[in-house]
Amino acid sequence: MILVTGGTGLVGAHLLLKLTEGMQPVRALYRTPGNIAKTKNLFAHYGKAEFFDAIQWVQGDVTDIPTLEDAFAGVTHVYHCAANVSFDPREEEELRKVNIEGTANMVNCALAFGVQKFCHVSSIAALGDPLLPGGVIDEETDWNPEVRHNDYAISKYGAEMEVWRAWQEGLSVVVVNPGLIFGHGFWDQGSGAVLKAVKRGQYFYTLGRCGIVAVEDVVNSMLLLMEGSYTGERYILVADNPDFKELLDAIASGMHKKGPAMYATKLLTGIGWRADWLLSKLTGKKRMLTRSMAHSSHATETYDNKKMVAATGYTFTPALPYVKALASAFSQQRP
């Protein structure tokens, strides 16, 4: 039996689609019944509605150990996709609880129930810091605690530490570090915010770089790593490192809209995050632009996927054409 957490999110739902297509027995964790509808809609979109019924859904939470004990019964392989993604400093406690404590609970249960192999979906945010700005980041780049990291990055780094601790205790693990993931459905999460911003009219751009990848590449890579003899390793899953203008232009092109034309300097984004902070204080609204987000929008580091390619021979989908096609589909489906 395979256990999947985060099955009502972008990566987890696409993973469930692939696993059920392969007729593998799958159990998925969910918190609220309403969230399952998103995954069901994804199956229907791809004409695979009949496979959805093969999933054994178990209500539970990665922060609630008794529910995890029920979910782990008879499980041999685990894909841990569940995580809280937020860059709002006010959600620091929740980030640590779900991402660090939740992952600790998952690997502890995996050890206790004799799970054969565990795949943890981390993030490029948990990778190290190059010695010089604009450098290349790979799996061996050291994390520098002296560098300012946002709460999300710290929580994902802490989650990885729990996975490596479990590996030292005998659990076979693989860790994947995907970049910004694009894929169909779940438009209100993650990269969907970028698509919506362009559709509304994104006027500003920066020339910082971002690592991006198709959700299908993330899922296929996870399956390859879990089915092979790989263990005790992490793998960067990034297809390309476009700058933000290239990315936004590709999305705008797919929507038949004009791309952003105004360059946002560091000074402008600095003013922006301060204004956003003040507005959040006055209104209580969720932060839209934090200090770390403003800083990362100008970062020019690139992420190296050579380890994944060399280990498995996997060929990543060309990212910008994929995003352009996705943007076209998004614009046709959303009002």
C-alpha atoms as a PDB file:
ATOM      1  CA  MET A   1       0.000   0.000   0.000  1.00  0.00           C
ATOM      2  CA  ILE A   2       1.223   3.480  -0.925  1.00  0.00           C
ATOM      3  CA  LEU A   3       0.407   6.463   1.285  1.00  0.00           C
ATOM      4  CA  VAL A   4       0.240   9.979  -0.175  1.00  0.00           C
ATOM      5  CA  THR A   5      -0.049  13.136   1.891  1.00  0.00           C
ATOM      6  CA  GLY A   6      -1.038  16.401   0.238  1.00  0.00           C
ATOM      7  CA  GLY A   7      -3.284  14.523  -2.187  1.00  0.00           C
ATOM      8  CA  THR A   8      -5.613  17.515  -2.388  1.00  0.00           C
ATOM      9  CA  GLY A   9      -2.790  19.783  -3.643  1.00  0.00           C
ATOM     10  CA  LEU A  10      -1.167  20.267  -7.040  1.00  0.00           C
ATOM     11  CA  VAL A  11       1.668  17.732  -6.728  1.00  0.00           C
ATOM     12  CA  GLY A  12      -0.197  15.174  -4.638  1.00  0.00           C
ATOM     13  CA  ALA A  13      -3.251  15.115  -6.905  1.00  0.00           C
ATOM     14  CA  HIS A  14      -1.161  14.636 -10.064  1.00  0.00           C
ATOM     15  CA  LEU A  15       0.799  11.929  -8.250  1.00  0.00           C
ATOM     16  CA  LEU A  16      -2.430  10.123  -7.332  1.00  0.00           C
ATOM     17  CA  LEU A  17      -3.451  10.283 -10.984  1.00  0.00           C
ATOM     18  CA  LYS A  18      -0.224   8.542 -12.083  1.00  0.00           C
ATOM     19  CA  LEU A  19      -0.319   5.958  -9.311  1.00  0.00           C
ATOM     20  CA  THR A  20      -3.919   4.933  -9.962  1.00  0.00           C
ATOM     21  CA  GLU A  21      -3.250   4.740 -13.711  1.00  0.00           C
ATOM     22  CA  GLY A  22      -0.615   2.160 -12.807  1.00  0.00           C
ATOM     23  CA  MET A  23      -3.214   0.222 -10.804  1.00  0.00           C
ATOM     24  CA  GLN A  24      -1.208   0.552  -7.598  1.00  0.00           C
ATOM     25  CA  PRO A  25      -3.093   0.421  -4.266  1.00  0.00           C
ATOM     26  CA  VAL A  26      -3.129   3.962  -2.945  1.00  0.00           C
ATOM     27  CA  ARG A  27      -4.247   5.585   0.282  1.00  0.00           C
ATOM     28  CA  ALA A  28      -4.473   9.369   0.543  1.00  0.00           C
ATOM     29  CA  LEU A  29      -4.691  11.573   3.601  1.00  0.00           C
ATOM     30  CA  TYR A  30      -7.197  14.433   3.656  1.00  0.00           C
ATOM     31  CA  ARG A  31      -8.204  16.994   6.272  1.00  0.00           C
ATOM     32  CA  THR A  32     -11.650  18.166   5.106  1.00  0.00           C
ATOM     33  CA  PRO A  33     -14.047  16.442   2.670  1.00  0.00           C
ATOM     34  CA  GLY A  34     -14.432  19.592   0.580  1.00  0.00           C
ATOM     35  CA  ASN A  35     -10.785  19.505  -0.467  1.00  0.00           C
ATOM     36  CA  ILE A  36     -11.185  16.111  -2.131  1.00  0.00           C
ATOM     37  CA  ALA A  37     -13.392  17.687  -4.804  1.00  0.00           C
ATOM     38  CA  LYS A  38     -10.348  19.506  -6.256  1.00  0.00           C
ATOM     39  CA  THR A  39      -8.596  16.196  -6.874  1.00  0.00           C
ATOM     40  CA  LYS A  40     -11.741  14.618  -8.282  1.00  0.00           C
ATOM     41  CA  ASN A  41     -12.083  17.512 -10.729  1.00  0.00           C
ATOM     42  CA  LEU A  42      -8.496  16.979 -11.888  1.00  0.00           C
ATOM     43  CA  PHE A  43      -9.193  13.314 -12.645  1.00  0.00           C
ATOM     44  CA  ALA A  44     -12.313  14.329 -14.575  1.00  0.00           C
ATOM     45  CA  HIS A  45     -10.365  16.937 -16.561  1.00  0.00           C
ATOM     46  CA  TYR A  46      -7.996  14.259 -17.829  1.00  0.00           C
ATOM     47  CA  GLY A  47     -10.823  11.818 -18.526  1.00  0.00           C
ATOM     48  CA  LYS A  48      -9.711   9.505 -15.711  1.00  0.00           C
ATOM     49  CA  ALA A  49     -12.716   9.783 -13.403  1.00  0.00           C
ATOM     50  CA  GLU A  50     -12.934   5.999 -13.048  1.00  0.00           C
ATOM     51  CA  PHE A  51      -9.473   5.866 -11.453  1.00  0.00           C
ATOM     52  CA  PHE A  52     -10.463   8.309  -8.726  1.00  0.00           C
ATOM     53  CA  ASP A  53     -12.635   5.669  -7.052  1.00  0.00           C
ATOM     54  CA  ALA A  54      -9.564   3.456  -6.582  1.00  0.00           C
ATOM     55  CA  ILE A  55      -8.125   5.867  -3.990  1.00  0.00           C
ATOM     56  CA  GLN A  56      -8.643   4.924  -0.360  1.00  0.00           C
ATOM     57  CA  TRP A  57      -9.198   8.249   1.408  1.00  0.00           C
ATOM     58  CA  VAL A  58      -8.371   8.509   5.112  1.00  0.00           C
ATOM     59  CA  GLN A  59      -9.168  11.603   7.134  1.00  0.00           C
ATOM     60  CA  GLY A  60      -6.201  12.819   9.126  1.00  0.00           C
ATOM     61  CA  ASP A  61      -3.548  15.446   9.624  1.00  0.00           C
ATOM     62  CA  VAL A  62       0.248  15.288   9.655  1.00  0.00           C
ATOM     63  CA  THR A  63       0.170  17.147  12.979  1.00  0.00           C
ATOM     64  CA  ASP A  64      -2.222  14.603  14.553  1.00  0.00           C
ATOM     65  CA  ILE A  65      -0.318  11.407  15.362  1.00  0.00           C
ATOM     66  CA  PRO A  66      -3.347   9.189  16.217  1.00  0.00           C
ATOM     67  CA  THR A  67      -4.836   9.776  12.744  1.00  0.00           C
ATOM     68  CA  LEU A  68      -1.445   9.050  11.166  1.00  0.00           C
ATOM     69  CA  GLU A  69      -1.253   5.720  12.951  1.00  0.00           C
ATOM     70  CA  ASP A  70      -4.495   4.685  11.264  1.00  0.00           C
ATOM     71  CA  ALA A  71      -3.245   5.885   7.888  1.00  0.00           C
ATOM     72  CA  PHE A  72       0.063   4.005   8.105  1.00  0.00           C
ATOM     73  CA  ALA A  73      -1.439   0.547   8.675  1.00  0.00           C
ATOM     74  CA  GLY A  74      -0.107  -1.777   5.959  1.00  0.00           C
ATOM     75  CA  VAL A  75       1.807   0.972   4.153  1.00  0.00           C
ATOM     76  CA  THR A  76       5.104   0.130   2.415  1.00  0.00           C
ATOM     77  CA  HIS A  77       5.871   3.375   0.549  1.00  0.00           C
ATOM     78  CA  VAL A  78       5.174   7.000   1.424  1.00  0.00           C
ATOM     79  CA  TYR A  79       5.079  10.160  -0.690  1.00  0.00           C
ATOM     80  CA  HIS A  80       5.012  13.134   1.663  1.00  0.00           C
ATOM     81  CA  CYS A  81       3.706  16.037  -0.426  1.00  0.00           C
ATOM     82  CA  ALA A  82       1.785  17.921   2.260  1.00  0.00           C
ATOM     83  CA  ALA A  83       3.157  21.304   3.320  1.00  0.00           C
ATOM     84  CA  ASN A  84       2.078  24.785   4.275  1.00  0.00           C
ATOM     85  CA  VAL A  85       3.281  27.363   1.747  1.00  0.00           C
ATOM     86  CA  SER A  86       3.203  30.954   2.955  1.00  0.00           C
ATOM     87  CA  PHE A  87       5.532  33.939   2.944  1.00  0.00           C
ATOM     88  CA  ASP A  88       3.530  35.922   5.483  1.00  0.00           C
ATOM     89  CA  PRO A  89       5.669  36.375   8.645  1.00  0.00           C
ATOM     90  CA  ARG A  90       2.517  36.134  10.770  1.00  0.00           C
ATOM     91  CA  GLU A  91       2.195  32.454   9.825  1.00  0.00           C
ATOM     92  CA  GLU A  92       5.615  31.438  11.148  1.00  0.00           C
ATOM     93  CA  GLU A  93       4.181  29.233  13.901  1.00  0.00           C
ATOM     94  CA  GLU A  94       1.860  27.387  11.526  1.00  0.00           C
ATOM     95  CA  LEU A  95       4.678  26.887   9.022  1.00  0.00           C
ATOM     96  CA  ARG A  96       6.894  25.306  11.647  1.00  0.00           C
ATOM     97  CA  LYS A  97       4.095  23.140  13.009  1.00  0.00           C
ATOM     98  CA  VAL A  98       2.979  21.710   9.673  1.00  0.00           C
ATOM     99  CA  ASN A  99       6.287  21.568   7.811  1.00  0.00           C
ATOM    100  CA  ILE A 100       8.729  20.625  10.571  1.00  0.00           C
ATOM    101  CA  GLU A 101       6.625  18.944  13.249  1.00  0.00           C
ATOM    102  CA  GLY A 102       4.374  17.340  10.630  1.00  0.00           C
ATOM    103  CA  THR A 103       7.349  15.886   8.756  1.00  0.00           C
ATOM    104  CA  ALA A 104       8.847  14.632  12.012  1.00  0.00           C
ATOM    105  CA  ASN A 105       5.577  12.822  12.732  1.00  0.00           C
ATOM    106  CA  MET A 106       5.568  11.319   9.250  1.00  0.00           C
ATOM    107  CA  VAL A 107       9.087   9.901   9.378  1.00  0.00           C
ATOM    108  CA  ASN A 108       8.603   8.674  12.948  1.00  0.00           C
ATOM    109  CA  CYS A 109       5.521   6.749  11.861  1.00  0.00           C
ATOM    110  CA  ALA A 110       7.391   5.450   8.818  1.00  0.00           C
ATOM    111  CA  LEU A 111      10.100   4.078  11.101  1.00  0.00           C
ATOM    112  CA  ALA A 112       7.585   2.618  13.549  1.00  0.00           C
ATOM    113  CA  PHE A 113       5.511   0.898  10.853  1.00  0.00           C
ATOM    114  CA  GLY A 114       8.460  -0.486   8.882  1.00  0.00           C
ATOM    115  CA  VAL A 115       7.941   1.572   5.723  1.00  0.00           C
ATOM    116  CA  GLN A 116      10.316   0.469   2.965  1.00  0.00           C
ATOM    117  CA  LYS A 117      10.884   3.853   1.314  1.00  0.00           C
ATOM    118  CA  PHE A 118       9.931   7.477   1.917  1.00  0.00           C
ATOM    119  CA  CYS A 119       9.867  10.349  -0.610  1.00  0.00           C
ATOM    120  CA  HIS A 120       9.851  13.860   0.803  1.00  0.00           C
ATOM    121  CA  VAL A 121       8.817  16.807  -1.360  1.00  0.00           C
ATOM    122  CA  SER A 122      10.975  19.687  -0.209  1.00  0.00           C
ATOM    123  CA  SER A 123      11.711  22.912  -2.105  1.00  0.00           C
ATOM    124  CA  ILE A 124      14.557  24.831  -3.702  1.00  0.00           C
ATOM    125  CA  ALA A 125      13.944  27.233  -0.806  1.00  0.00           C
ATOM    126  CA  ALA A 126      15.632  24.655   1.449  1.00  0.00           C
ATOM    127  CA  LEU A 127      18.823  24.559  -0.612  1.00  0.00           C
ATOM    128  CA  GLY A 128      22.069  26.277   0.305  1.00  0.00           C
ATOM    129  CA  ASP A 129      23.442  29.726  -0.404  1.00  0.00           C
ATOM    130  CA  PRO A 130      26.153  30.352  -3.026  1.00  0.00           C
ATOM    131  CA  LEU A 131      29.286  32.152  -1.908  1.00  0.00           C
ATOM    132  CA  LEU A 132      28.771  34.888  -4.494  1.00  0.00           C
ATOM    133  CA  PRO A 133      25.514  36.510  -5.692  1.00  0.00           C
ATOM    134  CA  GLY A 134      24.348  35.066  -8.981  1.00  0.00           C
ATOM    135  CA  GLY A 135      26.101  31.750  -8.423  1.00  0.00           C
ATOM    136  CA  VAL A 136      24.914  28.264  -9.249  1.00  0.00           C
ATOM    137  CA  ILE A 137      23.056  26.277  -6.589  1.00  0.00           C
ATOM    138  CA  ASP A 138      23.190  22.479  -6.550  1.00  0.00           C
ATOM    139  CA  GLU A 139      22.437  19.767  -4.011  1.00  0.00           C
ATOM    140  CA  GLU A 140      25.793  20.242  -2.274  1.00  0.00           C
ATOM    141  CA  THR A 141      25.601  24.024  -1.805  1.00  0.00           C
ATOM    142  CA  ASP A 142      25.891  24.703   1.918  1.00  0.00           C
ATOM    143  CA  TRP A 143      23.082  26.346   3.885  1.00  0.00           C
ATOM    144  CA  ASN A 144      24.439  29.503   5.497  1.00  0.00           C
ATOM    145  CA  PRO A 145      22.672  30.303   8.800  1.00  0.00           C
ATOM    146  CA  GLU A 146      24.091  33.825   8.660  1.00  0.00           C
ATOM    147  CA  VAL A 147      22.086  34.605   5.528  1.00  0.00           C
ATOM    148  CA  ARG A 148      18.558  35.966   5.991  1.00  0.00           C
ATOM    149  CA  HIS A 149      16.002  33.271   5.072  1.00  0.00           C
ATOM    150  CA  ASN A 150      12.234  33.619   5.089  1.00  0.00           C
ATOM    151  CA  ASP A 151      10.100  31.532   7.452  1.00  0.00           C
ATOM    152  CA  TYR A 152       8.976  29.189   4.679  1.00  0.00           C
ATOM    153  CA  ALA A 153      12.565  28.387   3.689  1.00  0.00           C
ATOM    154  CA  ILE A 154      13.528  27.785   7.320  1.00  0.00           C
ATOM    155  CA  SER A 155      10.564  25.465   7.813  1.00  0.00           C
ATOM    156  CA  LYS A 156      11.402  23.420   4.707  1.00  0.00           C
ATOM    157  CA  TYR A 157      15.050  23.226   5.728  1.00  0.00           C
ATOM    158  CA  GLY A 158      13.956  22.046   9.175  1.00  0.00           C
ATOM    159  CA  ALA A 159      11.685  19.456   7.592  1.00  0.00           C
ATOM    160  CA  GLU A 160      14.608  18.071   5.600  1.00  0.00           C
ATOM    161  CA  MET A 161      16.625  17.773   8.803  1.00  0.00           C
ATOM    162  CA  GLU A 162      13.906  15.500  10.176  1.00  0.00           C
ATOM    163  CA  VAL A 163      14.067  13.359   7.039  1.00  0.00           C
ATOM    164  CA  TRP A 164      17.862  13.060   7.241  1.00  0.00           C
ATOM    165  CA  ARG A 165      17.584  12.164  10.915  1.00  0.00           C
ATOM    166  CA  ALA A 166      15.192   9.335  10.010  1.00  0.00           C
ATOM    167  CA  TRP A 167      17.594   8.197   7.265  1.00  0.00           C
ATOM    168  CA  GLN A 168      20.349   7.909   9.865  1.00  0.00           C
ATOM    169  CA  GLU A 169      17.956   5.811  11.923  1.00  0.00           C
ATOM    170  CA  GLY A 170      17.482   3.363   9.046  1.00  0.00           C
ATOM    171  CA  LEU A 171      14.667   4.726   6.875  1.00  0.00           C
ATOM    172  CA  SER A 172      15.315   4.633   3.123  1.00  0.00           C
ATOM    173  CA  VAL A 173      14.579   8.147   1.833  1.00  0.00           C
ATOM    174  CA  VAL A 174      14.792  10.346  -1.234  1.00  0.00           C
ATOM    175  CA  VAL A 175      14.249  14.103  -1.176  1.00  0.00           C
ATOM    176  CA  VAL A 176      13.191  16.202  -4.166  1.00  0.00           C
ATOM    177  CA  ASN A 177      13.674  19.963  -4.300  1.00  0.00           C
ATOM    178  CA  PRO A 178      11.352  21.353  -6.978  1.00  0.00           C
ATOM    179  CA  GLY A 179      11.307  24.956  -8.084  1.00  0.00           C
ATOM    180  CA  LEU A 180       8.108  26.915  -8.735  1.00  0.00           C
ATOM    181  CA  ILE A 181       5.708  24.232  -9.952  1.00  0.00           C
ATOM    182  CA  PHE A 182       3.261  24.891 -12.775  1.00  0.00           C
ATOM    183  CA  GLY A 183       0.423  22.546 -13.637  1.00  0.00           C
ATOM    184  CA  HIS A 184      -3.251  22.267 -14.467  1.00  0.00           C
ATOM    185  CA  GLY A 185      -5.862  22.887 -11.799  1.00  0.00           C
ATOM    186  CA  PHE A 186      -5.474  24.239  -8.270  1.00  0.00           C
ATOM    187  CA  TRP A 187      -5.429  27.751  -9.694  1.00  0.00           C
ATOM    188  CA  ASP A 188      -5.843  29.286  -6.252  1.00  0.00           C
ATOM    189  CA  GLN A 189      -2.551  27.844  -4.990  1.00  0.00           C
ATOM    190  CA  GLY A 190       1.141  28.422  -5.661  1.00  0.00           C
ATOM    191  CA  SER A 191       1.922  29.314  -9.270  1.00  0.00           C
ATOM    192  CA  GLY A 192      -1.755  29.993  -9.884  1.00  0.00           C
ATOM    193  CA  ALA A 193      -1.198  33.369  -8.229  1.00  0.00           C
ATOM    194  CA  VAL A 194       1.294  34.265 -10.996  1.00  0.00           C
ATOM    195  CA  LEU A 195      -1.192  33.307 -13.702  1.00  0.00           C
ATOM    196  CA  LYS A 196      -3.931  35.353 -12.067  1.00  0.00           C
ATOM    197  CA  ALA A 197      -1.654  38.381 -11.667  1.00  0.00           C
ATOM    198  CA  VAL A 198      -0.827  38.409 -15.374  1.00  0.00           C
ATOM    199  CA  LYS A 199      -4.460  37.966 -16.369  1.00  0.00           C
ATOM    200  CA  ARG A 200      -5.456  40.927 -14.183  1.00  0.00           C
ATOM    201  CA  GLY A 201      -2.683  42.987 -15.752  1.00  0.00           C
ATOM    202  CA  GLN A 202       0.868  42.705 -14.417  1.00  0.00           C
ATOM    203  CA  TYR A 203       2.664  45.992 -15.125  1.00  0.00           C
ATOM    204  CA  PHE A 204       5.950  45.497 -13.276  1.00  0.00           C
ATOM    205  CA  TYR A 205       8.793  43.066 -13.709  1.00  0.00           C
ATOM    206  CA  THR A 206      12.229  42.410 -12.251  1.00  0.00           C
ATOM    207  CA  LEU A 207      15.192  40.628 -13.763  1.00  0.00           C
ATOM    208  CA  GLY A 208      15.731  38.188 -10.924  1.00  0.00           C
ATOM    209  CA  ARG A 209      15.724  34.511 -11.852  1.00  0.00           C
ATOM    210  CA  CYS A 210      13.403  31.742 -10.745  1.00  0.00           C
ATOM    211  CA  GLY A 211      13.660  27.973 -11.120  1.00  0.00           C
ATOM    212  CA  ILE A 212      10.481  26.534 -12.661  1.00  0.00           C
ATOM    213  CA  VAL A 213       9.231  23.040 -13.479  1.00  0.00           C
ATOM    214  CA  ALA A 214       6.117  21.280 -14.783  1.00  0.00           C
ATOM    215  CA  VAL A 215       4.148  19.270 -12.231  1.00  0.00           C
ATOM    216  CA  GLU A 216       4.315  16.233 -14.521  1.00  0.00           C
ATOM    217  CA  ASP A 217       8.126  16.365 -14.322  1.00  0.00           C
ATOM    218  CA  VAL A 218       7.980  16.507 -10.534  1.00  0.00           C
ATOM    219  CA  VAL A 219       5.683  13.485 -10.351  1.00  0.00           C
ATOM    220  CA  ASN A 220       7.612  11.452 -12.927  1.00  0.00           C
ATOM    221  CA  SER A 221      10.881  12.182 -11.130  1.00  0.00           C
ATOM    222  CA  MET A 222       9.447  11.079  -7.796  1.00  0.00           C
ATOM    223  CA  LEU A 223       8.228   7.817  -9.279  1.00  0.00           C
ATOM    224  CA  LEU A 224      11.612   7.130 -10.900  1.00  0.00           C
ATOM    225  CA  LEU A 225      13.465   7.763  -7.659  1.00  0.00           C
ATOM    226  CA  MET A 226      11.103   5.657  -5.574  1.00  0.00           C
ATOM    227  CA  GLU A 227      11.108   2.740  -7.999  1.00  0.00           C
ATOM    228  CA  GLY A 228      14.896   2.725  -8.323  1.00  0.00           C
ATOM    229  CA  SER A 229      17.594   1.933  -5.779  1.00  0.00           C
ATOM    230  CA  TYR A 230      18.237   5.596  -4.968  1.00  0.00           C
ATOM    231  CA  THR A 231      18.372   6.440  -1.267  1.00  0.00           C
ATOM    232  CA  GLY A 232      19.866   9.000   1.054  1.00  0.00           C
ATOM    233  CA  GLU A 233      20.027  11.645  -1.699  1.00  0.00           C
ATOM    234  CA  ARG A 234      18.285  14.885  -2.670  1.00  0.00           C
ATOM    235  CA  TYR A 235      17.560  15.981  -6.233  1.00  0.00           C
ATOM    236  CA  ILE A 236      16.834  19.427  -7.657  1.00  0.00           C
ATOM    237  CA  LEU A 237      13.822  19.385  -9.979  1.00  0.00           C
ATOM    238  CA  VAL A 238      14.089  22.499 -12.144  1.00  0.00           C
ATOM    239  CA  ALA A 239      13.640  22.561 -15.912  1.00  0.00           C
ATOM    240  CA  ASP A 240      14.757  26.130 -16.532  1.00  0.00           C
ATOM    241  CA  ASN A 241      15.875  29.328 -14.791  1.00  0.00           C
ATOM    242  CA  PRO A 242      14.199  32.201 -16.685  1.00  0.00           C
ATOM    243  CA  ASP A 243      14.227  35.719 -15.354  1.00  0.00           C
ATOM    244  CA  PHE A 244      10.878  37.028 -14.187  1.00  0.00           C
ATOM    245  CA  LYS A 245      10.322  39.089 -17.329  1.00  0.00           C
ATOM    246  CA  GLU A 246      10.804  36.031 -19.531  1.00  0.00           C
ATOM    247  CA  LEU A 247       8.360  34.072 -17.385  1.00  0.00           C
ATOM    248  CA  LEU A 248       5.734  36.818 -17.278  1.00  0.00           C
ATOM    249  CA  ASP A 249       6.069  37.426 -21.023  1.00  0.00           C
ATOM    250  CA  ALA A 250       5.506  33.715 -21.722  1.00  0.00           C
ATOM    251  CA  ILE A 251       2.368  33.710 -19.582  1.00  0.00           C
ATOM    252  CA  ALA A 252       1.090  36.919 -21.174  1.00  0.00           C
ATOM    253  CA  SER A 253       1.720  35.496 -24.645  1.00  0.00           C
ATOM    254  CA  GLY A 254      -0.330  32.407 -23.806  1.00  0.00           C
ATOM    255  CA  MET A 255      -3.170  34.670 -22.720  1.00  0.00           C
ATOM    256  CA  HIS A 256      -2.780  36.955 -25.768  1.00  0.00           C
ATOM    257  CA  LYS A 257      -2.034  39.873 -23.482  1.00  0.00           C
ATOM    258  CA  LYS A 258       0.762  42.410 -23.305  1.00  0.00           C
ATOM    259  CA  GLY A 259       3.627  41.531 -21.005  1.00  0.00           C
ATOM    260  CA  PRO A 260       4.809  43.805 -18.199  1.00  0.00           C
ATOM    261  CA  ALA A 261       6.631  46.917 -19.385  1.00  0.00           C
ATOM    262  CA  MET A 262       7.777  48.685 -16.217  1.00  0.00           C
ATOM    263  CA  TYR A 263      11.022  47.628 -14.534  1.00  0.00           C
ATOM    264  CA  ALA A 264      10.738  47.494 -10.743  1.00  0.00           C
ATOM    265  CA  THR A 265      14.077  48.553  -9.287  1.00  0.00           C
ATOM    266  CA  LYS A 266      15.305  47.434  -5.876  1.00  0.00           C
ATOM    267  CA  LEU A 267      14.304  50.852  -4.580  1.00  0.00           C
ATOM    268  CA  LEU A 268      10.779  50.439  -5.905  1.00  0.00           C
ATOM    269  CA  THR A 269      10.299  46.929  -4.517  1.00  0.00           C
ATOM    270  CA  GLY A 270      11.746  48.184  -1.225  1.00  0.00           C
ATOM    271  CA  ILE A 271       9.094  50.864  -1.069  1.00  0.00           C
ATOM    272  CA  GLY A 272       6.526  48.286  -2.111  1.00  0.00           C
ATOM    273  CA  TRP A 273       7.128  45.812   0.687  1.00  0.00           C
ATOM    274  CA  ARG A 274       7.151  48.588   3.290  1.00  0.00           C
ATOM    275  CA  ALA A 275       3.855  49.937   1.994  1.00  0.00           C
ATOM    276  CA  ASP A 276       2.419  46.419   2.016  1.00  0.00           C
ATOM    277  CA  TRP A 277       3.569  45.975   5.622  1.00  0.00           C
ATOM    278  CA  LEU A 278       1.845  49.190   6.652  1.00  0.00           C
ATOM    279  CA  LEU A 279      -1.354  48.280   4.823  1.00  0.00           C
ATOM    280  CA  SER A 280      -1.354  44.858   6.479  1.00  0.00           C
ATOM    281  CA  LYS A 281      -0.942  46.453   9.905  1.00  0.00           C
ATOM    282  CA  LEU A 282      -3.812  48.870   9.294  1.00  0.00           C
ATOM    283  CA  THR A 283      -6.261  46.440   7.694  1.00  0.00           C
ATOM    284  CA  GLY A 284      -5.196  43.008   8.971  1.00  0.00           C
ATOM    285  CA  LYS A 285      -5.037  41.705   5.399  1.00  0.00           C
ATOM    286  CA  LYS A 286      -2.576  39.000   4.413  1.00  0.00           C
ATOM    287  CA  ARG A 287       0.778  40.213   3.166  1.00  0.00           C
ATOM    288  CA  MET A 288       1.122  40.326  -0.611  1.00  0.00           C
ATOM    289  CA  LEU A 289       4.746  41.495  -0.814  1.00  0.00           C
ATOM    290  CA  THR A 290       7.148  40.776   2.038  1.00  0.00           C
ATOM    291  CA  ARG A 291      10.737  41.856   2.469  1.00  0.00           C
ATOM    292  CA  SER A 292      12.012  38.404   1.523  1.00  0.00           C
ATOM    293  CA  MET A 293       9.794  38.297  -1.561  1.00  0.00           C
ATOM    294  CA  ALA A 294      11.063  41.689  -2.689  1.00  0.00           C
ATOM    295  CA  HIS A 295      14.661  40.569  -2.169  1.00  0.00           C
ATOM    296  CA  SER A 296      14.210  37.253  -3.993  1.00  0.00           C
ATOM    297  CA  SER A 297      12.605  39.003  -6.967  1.00  0.00           C
ATOM    298  CA  HIS A 298      16.066  40.429  -7.760  1.00  0.00           C
ATOM    299  CA  ALA A 299      18.104  37.288  -6.974  1.00  0.00           C
ATOM    300  CA  THR A 300      20.006  35.936  -9.982  1.00  0.00           C
ATOM    301  CA  GLU A 301      21.133  32.527  -8.712  1.00  0.00           C
ATOM    302  CA  THR A 302      20.428  29.521 -10.938  1.00  0.00           C
ATOM    303  CA  TYR A 303      19.516  25.970  -9.945  1.00  0.00           C
ATOM    304  CA  ASP A 304      21.374  23.005 -11.427  1.00  0.00           C
ATOM    305  CA  ASN A 305      19.391  19.845 -12.308  1.00  0.00           C
ATOM    306  CA  LYS A 306      22.396  17.861 -13.565  1.00  0.00           C
ATOM    307  CA  LYS A 307      22.316  15.382 -10.682  1.00  0.00           C
ATOM    308  CA  MET A 308      18.772  14.251 -11.493  1.00  0.00           C
ATOM    309  CA  VAL A 309      19.525  14.035 -15.201  1.00  0.00           C
ATOM    310  CA  ALA A 310      22.754  12.098 -14.658  1.00  0.00           C
ATOM    311  CA  ALA A 311      21.215   9.690 -12.142  1.00  0.00           C
ATOM    312  CA  THR A 312      18.067   8.802 -14.062  1.00  0.00           C
ATOM    313  CA  GLY A 313      18.481  10.080 -17.624  1.00  0.00           C
ATOM    314  CA  TYR A 314      15.253  12.034 -17.217  1.00  0.00           C
ATOM    315  CA  THR A 315      14.501  14.775 -19.750  1.00  0.00           C
ATOM    316  CA  PHE A 316      12.631  17.757 -18.375  1.00  0.00           C
ATOM    317  CA  THR A 317       9.813  19.404 -20.293  1.00  0.00           C
ATOM    318  CA  PRO A 318      10.871  22.752 -21.856  1.00  0.00           C
ATOM    319  CA  ALA A 319       9.501  25.107 -19.235  1.00  0.00           C
ATOM    320  CA  LEU A 320       8.503  28.305 -21.019  1.00  0.00           C
ATOM    321  CA  PRO A 321       6.514  26.631 -23.841  1.00  0.00           C
ATOM    322  CA  TYR A 322       4.771  24.540 -21.170  1.00  0.00           C
ATOM    323  CA  VAL A 323       3.896  27.633 -19.132  1.00  0.00           C
ATOM    324  CA  LYS A 324       2.648  29.443 -22.244  1.00  0.00           C
ATOM    325  CA  ALA A 325       0.296  26.566 -23.094  1.00  0.00           C
ATOM    326  CA  LEU A 326      -0.856  26.351 -19.481  1.00  0.00           C
ATOM    327  CA  ALA A 327      -1.568  30.083 -19.424  1.00  0.00           C
ATOM    328  CA  SER A 328      -3.704  29.695 -22.528  1.00  0.00           C
ATOM    329  CA  ALA A 329      -5.729  26.923 -20.873  1.00  0.00           C
ATOM    330  CA  PHE A 330      -6.033  28.982 -17.699  1.00  0.00           C
ATOM    331  CA  SER A 331      -7.330  32.056 -19.513  1.00  0.00           C
ATOM    332  CA  GLN A 332      -9.987  30.016 -21.309  1.00  0.00           C
ATOM    333  CA  GLN A 333     -11.275  28.352 -18.141  1.00  0.00           C
ATOM    334  CA  ARG A 334     -11.261  31.268 -15.719  1.00  0.00           C
ATOM    335  CA  PRO A 335     -13.719  34.198 -15.975  1.00  0.00           C
END
